[in-house]
Amino acid sequence: MAKYRLRMITRLLLSTLLAAFAAAAQSVPMATEAAVKAAQSSADNAWVLVSSALVLMMTGPGLALFYGGLVRRKNVLATMMQSFILMALVTVLWTIFGYSLAFGEGSSFIGDLRYLMLNGVGAAPNSDYAATIPQLTFMVFQMMFAIITPALISGAFAERMKFSAMLLFTTLWLAIVYLPMAHMVWGKGGLLNAFLGGAIPCFDFAGGTVVHITSGVSALVCALYMGKRTGYPSLDMKPHNLVLSVIGACMLWVGWFGFNAGSALGAGPLATSAFVSTHIGAAAATLAWMLAEWIMTGKPTVLGAISGAVAGLVAITPAAGFVTPTAALMIGLAGGLICFAMVTMVKVKLGYDDSLDAFGVHGAGGTLGAILTGVFATNAVNDALKDAAGKPLPLGLVDGNGGQVMNQLIGAGIAWALAIVGTLVILKVVDLTVGLRVPESEEQTGLDLSLHGEEAYPMDLSFEKN
């Protein structure tokens, strides 16, 4: 009897030990998997936060310096102030209602108010948009896009719009043009969202339609509606300080890695591909613009080189996460040449005063990039779209999906139409309420003194006042 009890106890102990070992063995891979996921989430979150800072740097100091150097010395502070103040204004608007209308689940054209005042936007990811980072991180990354987009438009009405008019214009433009376009392209259920149920699948990795077409076309509408600067084109209106503009262009180039590679929303191979394509596209466009100018005028200018760099960055933006390095090279070359022609030939022939060439670079370059995305997009780079069997679907013409070019044309057309109609309505409202242009006397004095009571170079007498 005692031996029987001993055998039973021994068996019980052995079975208990085996069960414990089995449980421990099972928990090891589970713990490892959890650790890997946590590490991936931390890496992705860090990258998107850094990218958010890089995109903010594109507005201030990047765009502020780039645009500030291109205007006359009497308007440099007013021009830089427009970029700077939008970092504050758009942040508040995005917090109150902007993020919700762009990324809430509403209709095909605009989101709802579920995220009003960022309600429910916290540490938990929103798996529809970015499954490995907090929704709050995704929100702030998208905020930086909303900040720089209306700032780009300011290049068209530089040196002649009232500060109060600029503030009202931006508020209305964000609500009427930017937020619907952002929802249609990137929001869940948006009309043009290729990945989240859009009826017309349009590829826009980082903002060719949402950012550059809307801002560039709106800039053209502003330039045409407001008319030319006093004395244009007979007076000398050359950039007052290209050193500032070169510094700004370099900051834009660096910041654009956050703009494009950050749009992968993770620190993986797709971010690397977008990073490489961005750099190659910018470099190719810089050389294309410089060589075209050299051939046409006999001199390669600094202004031309930095303009070419921005043109390339614009053109590659919608395609950055969909194309190979070779395609990025081709898009960059095309962007440099087309934007050069728009700025130096088309604008001159048509006679409109787009002060800092916001349309010639962003409107034209964004449209070109959006269309070429439909040509060069390939599932060898981005395989996020799959069929029911899990097989990657063909993306662009190079994959055999020629219909995507038409989708891109439709998306670009919608962006053009929304920008034209929305901007015209907004300009009319602003003109009837606070007025758009400063008086001619204030324009001649310069906006720095007439609007802000300050001078950029009060002790510097080496510049000729113009």
Protein backbone atom coordinates (compact mmCIF):
# COMPACT_ATOMS: atom_id res chain seq x y z
CA MET A 1 0.00 0.00 0.00
CA ALA A 2 2.82 2.36 0.90
CA LYS A 3 4.63 1.51 -2.37
CA TYR A 4 1.45 2.23 -4.32
CA ARG A 5 1.06 5.64 -2.66
CA LEU A 6 4.72 6.43 -3.37
CA ARG A 7 4.26 5.58 -7.06
CA MET A 8 1.16 7.78 -7.24
CA ILE A 9 2.93 10.70 -5.59
CA THR A 10 5.92 10.26 -7.93
CA ARG A 11 3.68 10.21 -10.99
CA LEU A 12 1.83 13.31 -9.74
CA LEU A 13 5.09 15.16 -9.23
CA LEU A 14 6.38 14.15 -12.65
CA SER A 15 3.18 15.19 -14.39
CA THR A 16 3.24 18.52 -12.54
CA LEU A 17 6.85 19.13 -13.57
CA LEU A 18 6.14 18.20 -17.18
CA ALA A 19 3.15 20.54 -17.26
CA ALA A 20 5.26 23.34 -15.80
CA PHE A 21 8.01 22.77 -18.36
CA ALA A 22 5.46 22.71 -21.19
CA ALA A 23 3.88 25.95 -20.01
CA ALA A 24 7.29 27.59 -19.69
CA ALA A 25 8.30 26.41 -23.16
CA GLN A 26 5.08 27.79 -24.60
CA SER A 27 5.47 31.14 -22.87
CA VAL A 28 8.96 31.73 -24.28
CA PRO A 29 7.84 32.30 -27.89
CA MET A 30 4.82 34.27 -26.69
CA ALA A 31 7.06 36.54 -24.63
CA THR A 32 9.49 36.84 -27.51
CA GLU A 33 6.71 37.75 -29.91
CA ALA A 34 5.40 40.40 -27.52
CA ALA A 35 8.89 41.83 -27.11
CA VAL A 36 9.37 41.98 -30.88
CA LYS A 37 6.05 43.75 -31.35
CA ALA A 38 6.88 46.23 -28.60
CA ALA A 39 10.27 46.94 -30.14
CA GLN A 40 8.72 47.41 -33.59
CA SER A 41 6.11 49.77 -32.19
CA SER A 42 8.76 51.82 -30.40
CA ALA A 43 10.91 52.04 -33.53
CA ASP A 44 7.96 53.03 -35.72
CA ASN A 45 6.77 55.59 -33.20
CA ALA A 46 10.23 57.13 -32.91
CA TRP A 47 10.59 57.39 -36.69
CA VAL A 48 7.18 59.00 -37.22
CA LEU A 49 7.78 61.49 -34.39
CA VAL A 50 11.15 62.44 -35.91
CA SER A 51 9.47 62.70 -39.31
CA SER A 52 6.84 65.01 -37.80
CA ALA A 53 9.58 67.31 -36.54
CA LEU A 54 11.27 67.23 -39.97
CA VAL A 55 8.03 68.22 -41.71
CA LEU A 56 7.49 71.08 -39.27
CA MET A 57 11.06 72.20 -40.00
CA MET A 58 10.05 72.44 -43.66
CA THR A 59 7.65 75.28 -42.81
CA GLY A 60 9.77 77.04 -40.24
CA PRO A 61 12.61 77.64 -40.85
CA GLY A 62 12.71 75.95 -44.29
CA LEU A 63 9.92 77.62 -46.26
CA ALA A 64 10.18 80.83 -44.23
CA LEU A 65 13.82 81.25 -45.28
CA PHE A 66 13.25 80.03 -48.84
CA TYR A 67 10.37 82.44 -49.49
CA GLY A 68 11.86 85.19 -47.32
CA GLY A 69 15.00 85.40 -49.40
CA LEU A 70 13.06 85.51 -52.68
CA VAL A 71 11.08 88.68 -51.91
CA ARG A 72 12.33 92.26 -51.75
CA ARG A 73 14.01 93.35 -48.53
CA LYS A 74 11.05 95.50 -47.47
CA ASN A 75 8.80 92.42 -47.35
CA VAL A 76 11.05 89.73 -45.87
CA LEU A 77 9.62 89.80 -42.33
CA ALA A 78 6.02 89.85 -43.52
CA THR A 79 6.72 86.88 -45.80
CA MET A 80 8.45 84.87 -43.07
CA MET A 81 5.69 85.79 -40.62
CA GLN A 82 3.12 84.12 -42.88
CA SER A 83 4.92 80.77 -42.63
CA PHE A 84 5.60 81.15 -38.92
CA ILE A 85 2.11 82.15 -37.81
CA LEU A 86 0.53 79.27 -39.74
CA MET A 87 2.39 76.85 -37.47
CA ALA A 88 0.23 78.25 -34.67
CA LEU A 89 -3.04 78.90 -36.51
CA VAL A 90 -3.32 75.56 -38.31
CA THR A 91 -2.29 73.64 -35.18
CA VAL A 92 -5.25 75.09 -33.29
CA LEU A 93 -7.68 74.51 -36.18
CA TRP A 94 -6.41 70.94 -36.66
CA THR A 95 -6.88 70.26 -32.94
CA ILE A 96 -10.41 71.61 -32.81
CA PHE A 97 -11.92 70.11 -35.96
CA GLY A 98 -9.34 69.54 -38.70
CA TYR A 99 -8.15 66.05 -37.81
CA SER A 100 -11.68 64.82 -37.31
CA LEU A 101 -12.97 66.10 -40.65
CA ALA A 102 -9.95 64.66 -42.46
CA PHE A 103 -9.74 61.24 -40.80
CA GLY A 104 -13.10 60.62 -39.18
CA GLU A 105 -15.39 58.10 -40.89
CA GLY A 106 -17.94 60.26 -42.61
CA SER A 107 -18.91 60.29 -46.28
CA SER A 108 -16.79 59.79 -49.38
CA PHE A 109 -15.97 63.50 -49.34
CA ILE A 110 -15.51 64.57 -45.70
CA GLY A 111 -15.09 62.99 -42.29
CA ASP A 112 -17.38 63.28 -39.28
CA LEU A 113 -16.84 64.95 -35.89
CA ARG A 114 -15.96 61.88 -33.83
CA TYR A 115 -12.47 63.27 -33.11
CA LEU A 116 -13.62 66.83 -32.33
CA MET A 117 -11.07 68.43 -29.94
CA LEU A 118 -9.07 65.20 -30.42
CA ASN A 119 -11.63 63.26 -28.42
CA GLY A 120 -10.56 59.60 -28.29
CA VAL A 121 -7.20 60.27 -29.95
CA GLY A 122 -4.61 58.82 -27.60
CA ALA A 123 -1.96 56.14 -27.11
CA ALA A 124 -3.95 53.34 -28.74
CA PRO A 125 -3.29 52.87 -32.46
CA ASN A 126 -5.95 53.31 -35.11
CA SER A 127 -5.39 50.15 -37.13
CA ASP A 128 -7.08 51.60 -40.21
CA TYR A 129 -4.29 54.17 -40.58
CA ALA A 130 -1.22 53.04 -38.64
CA ALA A 131 -1.39 49.84 -36.59
CA THR A 132 1.97 50.14 -34.82
CA ILE A 133 1.98 53.73 -33.57
CA PRO A 134 -0.31 55.71 -31.23
CA GLN A 135 -3.11 57.51 -33.03
CA LEU A 136 -1.85 60.67 -31.36
CA THR A 137 1.43 60.26 -33.25
CA PHE A 138 -0.42 59.74 -36.53
CA MET A 139 -2.49 62.83 -35.78
CA VAL A 140 0.52 65.09 -35.19
CA PHE A 141 2.30 63.79 -38.29
CA GLN A 142 -0.72 64.67 -40.42
CA MET A 143 -0.95 68.03 -38.67
CA MET A 144 2.43 69.02 -40.08
CA PHE A 145 1.16 68.41 -43.62
CA ALA A 146 -1.84 70.63 -42.92
CA ILE A 147 0.51 73.37 -41.70
CA ILE A 148 2.83 73.55 -44.70
CA THR A 149 0.18 73.25 -47.42
CA PRO A 150 -1.46 76.69 -47.05
CA ALA A 151 1.97 78.18 -46.35
CA LEU A 152 2.98 77.16 -49.87
CA ILE A 153 0.15 79.27 -51.31
CA SER A 154 1.60 82.41 -49.74
CA GLY A 155 4.28 82.43 -52.42
CA ALA A 156 1.68 83.52 -54.98
CA PHE A 157 0.29 86.53 -53.13
CA ALA A 158 3.57 87.59 -51.50
CA GLU A 159 4.16 91.33 -51.06
CA ARG A 160 0.52 92.39 -51.46
CA MET A 161 -2.00 90.55 -49.23
CA LYS A 162 -3.19 91.90 -45.89
CA PHE A 163 -2.14 89.92 -42.83
CA SER A 164 -5.76 89.74 -41.61
CA ALA A 165 -6.85 88.52 -45.03
CA MET A 166 -4.18 85.82 -45.00
CA LEU A 167 -5.41 84.54 -41.63
CA LEU A 168 -9.06 84.42 -42.72
CA PHE A 169 -8.17 82.95 -46.10
CA THR A 170 -6.14 80.15 -44.50
CA THR A 171 -8.88 79.28 -42.02
CA LEU A 172 -11.51 78.98 -44.74
CA TRP A 173 -9.15 77.26 -47.20
CA LEU A 174 -8.23 74.59 -44.68
CA ALA A 175 -11.90 73.80 -44.07
CA ILE A 176 -13.18 74.02 -47.65
CA VAL A 177 -10.27 72.71 -49.73
CA TYR A 178 -7.64 70.88 -47.69
CA LEU A 179 -9.76 68.80 -45.32
CA PRO A 180 -12.10 67.37 -47.98
CA MET A 181 -9.13 66.54 -50.23
CA ALA A 182 -7.22 64.90 -47.38
CA HIS A 183 -10.25 62.79 -46.50
CA MET A 184 -10.92 61.77 -50.08
CA VAL A 185 -7.33 60.58 -50.61
CA TRP A 186 -6.24 59.34 -47.16
CA GLY A 187 -9.37 59.02 -45.01
CA LYS A 188 -11.20 55.73 -44.50
CA GLY A 189 -13.93 55.44 -47.13
CA GLY A 190 -12.63 58.49 -48.99
CA LEU A 191 -13.56 58.71 -52.66
CA LEU A 192 -9.96 58.41 -53.90
CA ASN A 193 -8.50 56.16 -51.19
CA ALA A 194 -7.01 53.15 -52.95
CA PHE A 195 -6.38 51.25 -49.71
CA LEU A 196 -9.46 51.96 -47.59
CA GLY A 197 -12.47 51.51 -49.82
CA GLY A 198 -12.32 54.40 -52.28
CA ALA A 199 -14.50 54.16 -55.37
CA ILE A 200 -11.68 55.64 -57.51
CA PRO A 201 -8.34 54.17 -56.34
CA CYS A 202 -5.83 56.98 -56.61
CA PHE A 203 -2.22 56.54 -55.41
CA ASP A 204 -0.81 59.47 -53.47
CA PHE A 205 1.90 58.37 -51.09
CA ALA A 206 2.74 61.69 -49.46
CA GLY A 207 0.62 64.48 -50.92
CA GLY A 208 0.89 65.10 -54.66
CA THR A 209 -2.84 65.81 -54.89
CA VAL A 210 -3.58 66.69 -51.27
CA VAL A 211 -0.67 69.08 -50.77
CA HIS A 212 0.91 70.22 -54.01
CA ILE A 213 -1.91 70.32 -56.55
CA THR A 214 -4.34 71.97 -54.13
CA SER A 215 -1.80 74.57 -52.95
CA GLY A 216 -0.29 75.20 -56.39
CA VAL A 217 -3.59 75.60 -58.22
CA SER A 218 -4.99 77.73 -55.41
CA ALA A 219 -1.86 79.87 -55.70
CA LEU A 220 -2.57 80.48 -59.38
CA VAL A 221 -6.17 81.45 -58.60
CA CYS A 222 -4.92 83.88 -55.93
CA ALA A 223 -2.40 85.45 -58.33
CA LEU A 224 -5.03 85.92 -61.04
CA TYR A 225 -7.73 87.21 -58.68
CA MET A 226 -5.52 89.68 -56.82
CA GLY A 227 -3.66 90.96 -59.84
CA LYS A 228 -0.03 91.91 -60.23
CA ARG A 229 2.18 93.63 -57.72
CA THR A 230 2.49 97.38 -58.24
CA GLY A 231 5.15 97.93 -60.89
CA TYR A 232 5.28 94.31 -62.09
CA PRO A 233 7.02 93.44 -64.37
CA SER A 234 8.74 96.73 -65.17
CA LEU A 235 10.28 97.25 -61.71
CA ASP A 236 13.25 95.19 -60.53
CA MET A 237 11.78 92.57 -58.19
CA LYS A 238 14.75 90.22 -57.91
CA PRO A 239 15.30 88.18 -54.71
CA HIS A 240 16.90 90.34 -52.07
CA ASN A 241 18.95 87.59 -50.37
CA LEU A 242 19.58 84.30 -52.13
CA VAL A 243 21.73 83.13 -49.22
CA LEU A 244 18.58 82.84 -47.12
CA SER A 245 16.84 81.00 -49.92
CA VAL A 246 19.67 78.48 -50.36
CA ILE A 247 19.62 77.71 -46.64
CA GLY A 248 15.86 77.34 -46.78
CA ALA A 249 16.05 75.05 -49.81
CA CYS A 250 18.58 72.82 -48.06
CA MET A 251 16.28 72.58 -45.05
CA LEU A 252 13.37 71.73 -47.31
CA TRP A 253 15.40 68.96 -48.96
CA VAL A 254 16.34 67.43 -45.60
CA GLY A 255 12.88 67.90 -44.15
CA TRP A 256 11.32 66.23 -47.18
CA PHE A 257 12.71 62.88 -46.00
CA GLY A 258 10.28 63.15 -43.10
CA PHE A 259 7.55 64.26 -45.50
CA ASN A 260 7.94 61.28 -47.86
CA ALA A 261 9.75 58.51 -45.97
CA GLY A 262 7.72 59.33 -42.87
CA SER A 263 4.56 58.61 -44.85
CA ALA A 264 5.46 54.91 -44.67
CA LEU A 265 4.30 55.32 -41.03
CA GLY A 266 6.93 52.86 -39.88
CA ALA A 267 10.67 52.27 -39.78
CA GLY A 268 10.71 49.51 -42.38
CA PRO A 269 11.83 48.84 -45.94
CA LEU A 270 9.07 51.01 -47.44
CA ALA A 271 10.45 54.04 -45.59
CA THR A 272 13.89 53.26 -47.01
CA SER A 273 12.51 53.03 -50.54
CA ALA A 274 10.66 56.34 -50.19
CA PHE A 275 13.77 57.97 -48.70
CA VAL A 276 15.97 56.85 -51.61
CA SER A 277 13.42 57.82 -54.27
CA THR A 278 13.01 61.26 -52.70
CA HIS A 279 16.72 61.98 -52.77
CA ILE A 280 17.23 60.72 -56.31
CA GLY A 281 14.23 62.64 -57.63
CA ALA A 282 15.44 65.90 -56.09
CA ALA A 283 18.97 65.46 -57.39
CA ALA A 284 17.82 64.64 -60.93
CA ALA A 285 15.50 67.66 -61.08
CA THR A 286 18.23 69.97 -59.78
CA LEU A 287 20.54 68.96 -62.61
CA ALA A 288 17.74 69.04 -65.21
CA TRP A 289 16.68 72.60 -64.31
CA MET A 290 20.28 73.81 -64.07
CA LEU A 291 21.27 72.36 -67.45
CA ALA A 292 18.14 73.68 -69.17
CA GLU A 293 18.79 77.14 -67.79
CA TRP A 294 22.46 76.95 -68.71
CA ILE A 295 21.57 76.10 -72.30
CA MET A 296 18.83 78.73 -72.52
CA THR A 297 20.58 81.67 -70.81
CA GLY A 298 24.26 80.78 -70.80
CA LYS A 299 24.52 80.76 -67.01
CA PRO A 300 23.58 78.17 -64.34
CA THR A 301 22.06 80.25 -61.53
CA VAL A 302 21.76 79.45 -57.85
CA LEU A 303 18.07 80.38 -57.98
CA GLY A 304 17.56 77.88 -60.78
CA ALA A 305 19.35 75.09 -58.94
CA ILE A 306 17.36 75.46 -55.74
CA SER A 307 14.11 75.84 -57.69
CA GLY A 308 14.92 72.61 -59.51
CA ALA A 309 15.52 70.80 -56.25
CA VAL A 310 12.10 71.81 -54.91
CA ALA A 311 10.47 70.88 -58.23
CA GLY A 312 11.97 67.39 -58.01
CA LEU A 313 10.87 66.96 -54.42
CA VAL A 314 7.33 67.97 -55.40
CA ALA A 315 7.18 65.65 -58.41
CA ILE A 316 8.42 62.57 -56.54
CA THR A 317 6.14 63.09 -53.52
CA PRO A 318 3.05 61.16 -54.71
CA ALA A 319 5.22 58.36 -56.15
CA ALA A 320 7.88 58.03 -53.45
CA GLY A 321 6.50 54.87 -51.86
CA PHE A 322 5.50 53.19 -55.10
CA VAL A 323 8.43 53.47 -57.54
CA THR A 324 11.94 52.12 -58.08
CA PRO A 325 15.06 54.32 -57.99
CA THR A 326 15.22 54.28 -61.81
CA ALA A 327 11.65 55.56 -62.03
CA ALA A 328 12.44 58.21 -59.40
CA LEU A 329 15.31 59.39 -61.61
CA MET A 330 12.98 59.72 -64.60
CA ILE A 331 10.29 61.51 -62.58
CA GLY A 332 12.89 63.93 -61.22
CA LEU A 333 14.26 64.74 -64.67
CA ALA A 334 10.76 65.32 -66.02
CA GLY A 335 9.83 67.45 -63.01
CA GLY A 336 12.87 69.68 -63.39
CA LEU A 337 12.29 70.28 -67.10
CA ILE A 338 8.51 70.78 -66.95
CA CYS A 339 8.64 73.14 -63.97
CA PHE A 340 11.49 75.10 -65.59
CA ALA A 341 9.32 75.59 -68.66
CA MET A 342 6.31 76.63 -66.56
CA VAL A 343 8.29 79.23 -64.58
CA THR A 344 10.48 80.70 -67.33
CA MET A 345 8.24 80.41 -70.40
CA VAL A 346 4.57 79.81 -69.64
CA LYS A 347 4.34 82.37 -66.83
CA VAL A 348 6.12 84.98 -68.91
CA LYS A 349 3.92 84.35 -71.93
CA LEU A 350 0.66 84.45 -69.98
CA GLY A 351 1.78 87.39 -67.83
CA TYR A 352 0.36 86.41 -64.43
CA ASP A 353 2.25 87.43 -61.28
CA ASP A 354 2.81 84.26 -59.26
CA SER A 355 5.37 86.04 -57.09
CA LEU A 356 7.42 83.05 -55.93
CA ASP A 357 6.28 80.49 -58.51
CA ALA A 358 4.06 78.44 -56.24
CA PHE A 359 1.97 77.29 -59.20
CA GLY A 360 4.87 76.72 -61.58
CA VAL A 361 6.61 74.44 -59.10
CA HIS A 362 3.92 72.94 -56.86
CA GLY A 363 0.88 72.99 -59.14
CA ALA A 364 2.68 71.79 -62.26
CA GLY A 365 5.10 69.49 -60.43
CA GLY A 366 2.37 67.94 -58.30
CA THR A 367 0.19 67.26 -61.33
CA LEU A 368 3.06 65.71 -63.27
CA GLY A 369 4.05 63.54 -60.31
CA ALA A 370 0.50 62.35 -59.74
CA ILE A 371 0.16 61.23 -63.36
CA LEU A 372 3.58 59.58 -63.51
CA THR A 373 2.76 57.66 -60.34
CA GLY A 374 0.13 55.86 -62.39
CA VAL A 375 2.82 54.97 -64.90
CA PHE A 376 5.65 53.81 -62.63
CA ALA A 377 3.92 52.46 -59.49
CA THR A 378 4.87 48.81 -58.96
CA ASN A 379 4.02 46.10 -56.46
CA ALA A 380 7.73 45.21 -56.39
CA VAL A 381 8.08 48.28 -54.15
CA ASN A 382 4.67 48.44 -52.46
CA ASP A 383 2.61 45.25 -52.19
CA ALA A 384 -0.07 46.55 -49.84
CA LEU A 385 -2.85 45.95 -52.37
CA LYS A 386 -3.65 42.21 -52.64
CA ASP A 387 -6.36 40.06 -54.15
CA ALA A 388 -8.53 37.58 -52.22
CA ALA A 389 -5.78 34.95 -52.40
CA GLY A 390 -3.21 37.31 -50.92
CA LYS A 391 -1.37 37.88 -54.19
CA PRO A 392 -0.10 41.47 -54.78
CA LEU A 393 -2.18 43.33 -57.34
CA PRO A 394 -0.59 45.22 -60.25
CA LEU A 395 -0.32 48.92 -59.45
CA GLY A 396 0.72 51.04 -62.41
CA LEU A 397 1.32 50.85 -66.13
CA VAL A 398 4.68 49.14 -65.61
CA ASP A 399 2.84 46.34 -63.80
CA GLY A 400 0.33 46.01 -66.63
CA ASN A 401 -2.38 48.13 -65.00
CA GLY A 402 -2.75 50.91 -67.56
CA GLY A 403 -6.08 51.95 -66.08
CA GLN A 404 -4.28 53.43 -63.11
CA VAL A 405 -3.12 56.34 -65.25
CA MET A 406 -6.78 57.27 -65.75
CA ASN A 407 -7.42 56.97 -62.02
CA GLN A 408 -4.54 59.36 -61.39
CA LEU A 409 -5.88 61.80 -63.96
CA ILE A 410 -9.29 61.73 -62.28
CA GLY A 411 -7.73 62.30 -58.86
CA ALA A 412 -5.66 65.21 -60.17
CA GLY A 413 -8.72 66.63 -61.91
CA ILE A 414 -10.77 66.54 -58.71
CA ALA A 415 -7.93 68.30 -56.85
CA TRP A 416 -7.79 70.98 -59.56
CA ALA A 417 -11.56 71.51 -59.54
CA LEU A 418 -11.83 71.70 -55.76
CA ALA A 419 -8.90 74.11 -55.54
CA ILE A 420 -10.24 76.41 -58.27
CA VAL A 421 -13.84 76.59 -57.10
CA GLY A 422 -13.06 76.60 -53.38
CA THR A 423 -10.36 79.25 -53.64
CA LEU A 424 -12.48 81.55 -55.80
CA VAL A 425 -15.33 81.42 -53.29
CA ILE A 426 -12.96 82.02 -50.36
CA LEU A 427 -11.22 84.97 -52.05
CA LYS A 428 -14.56 86.59 -52.75
CA VAL A 429 -15.69 86.16 -49.13
CA VAL A 430 -12.42 87.53 -47.76
CA ASP A 431 -12.46 90.43 -50.21
CA LEU A 432 -16.00 91.40 -49.18
CA THR A 433 -15.24 91.20 -45.45
CA VAL A 434 -11.71 92.31 -44.53
CA GLY A 435 -10.37 93.08 -48.01
CA LEU A 436 -7.51 91.25 -49.72
CA ARG A 437 -4.86 93.76 -50.78
CA VAL A 438 -3.02 96.38 -48.84
CA PRO A 439 -3.34 99.94 -50.23
CA GLU A 440 -0.85 100.87 -52.93
CA SER A 441 0.97 103.26 -50.60
CA GLU A 442 1.54 100.47 -48.07
CA GLU A 443 2.67 98.10 -50.82
CA GLN A 444 5.26 100.63 -51.94
CA THR A 445 6.42 101.20 -48.37
CA GLY A 446 6.69 97.48 -47.83
CA LEU A 447 4.65 95.10 -45.71
CA ASP A 448 7.27 94.84 -42.98
CA LEU A 449 6.69 98.42 -41.89
CA SER A 450 3.11 98.92 -43.01
CA LEU A 451 1.71 95.70 -41.47
CA HIS A 452 4.11 94.84 -38.67
CA GLY A 453 5.97 98.07 -37.86
CA GLU A 454 9.35 96.36 -38.12
CA GLU A 455 12.35 96.18 -40.44
CA ALA A 456 14.51 93.17 -41.19
CA TYR A 457 17.71 95.16 -41.63
CA PRO A 458 17.24 98.45 -39.74
CA MET A 459 20.99 99.10 -39.38
CA ASP A 460 22.08 97.75 -42.76
CA LEU A 461 22.50 100.42 -45.43
CA SER A 462 24.26 98.21 -47.95
CA PHE A 463 21.07 97.10 -49.71
CA GLU A 464 19.41 99.27 -52.28
CA LYS A 465 15.85 99.93 -51.24
CA ASN A 466 13.39 98.76 -53.83
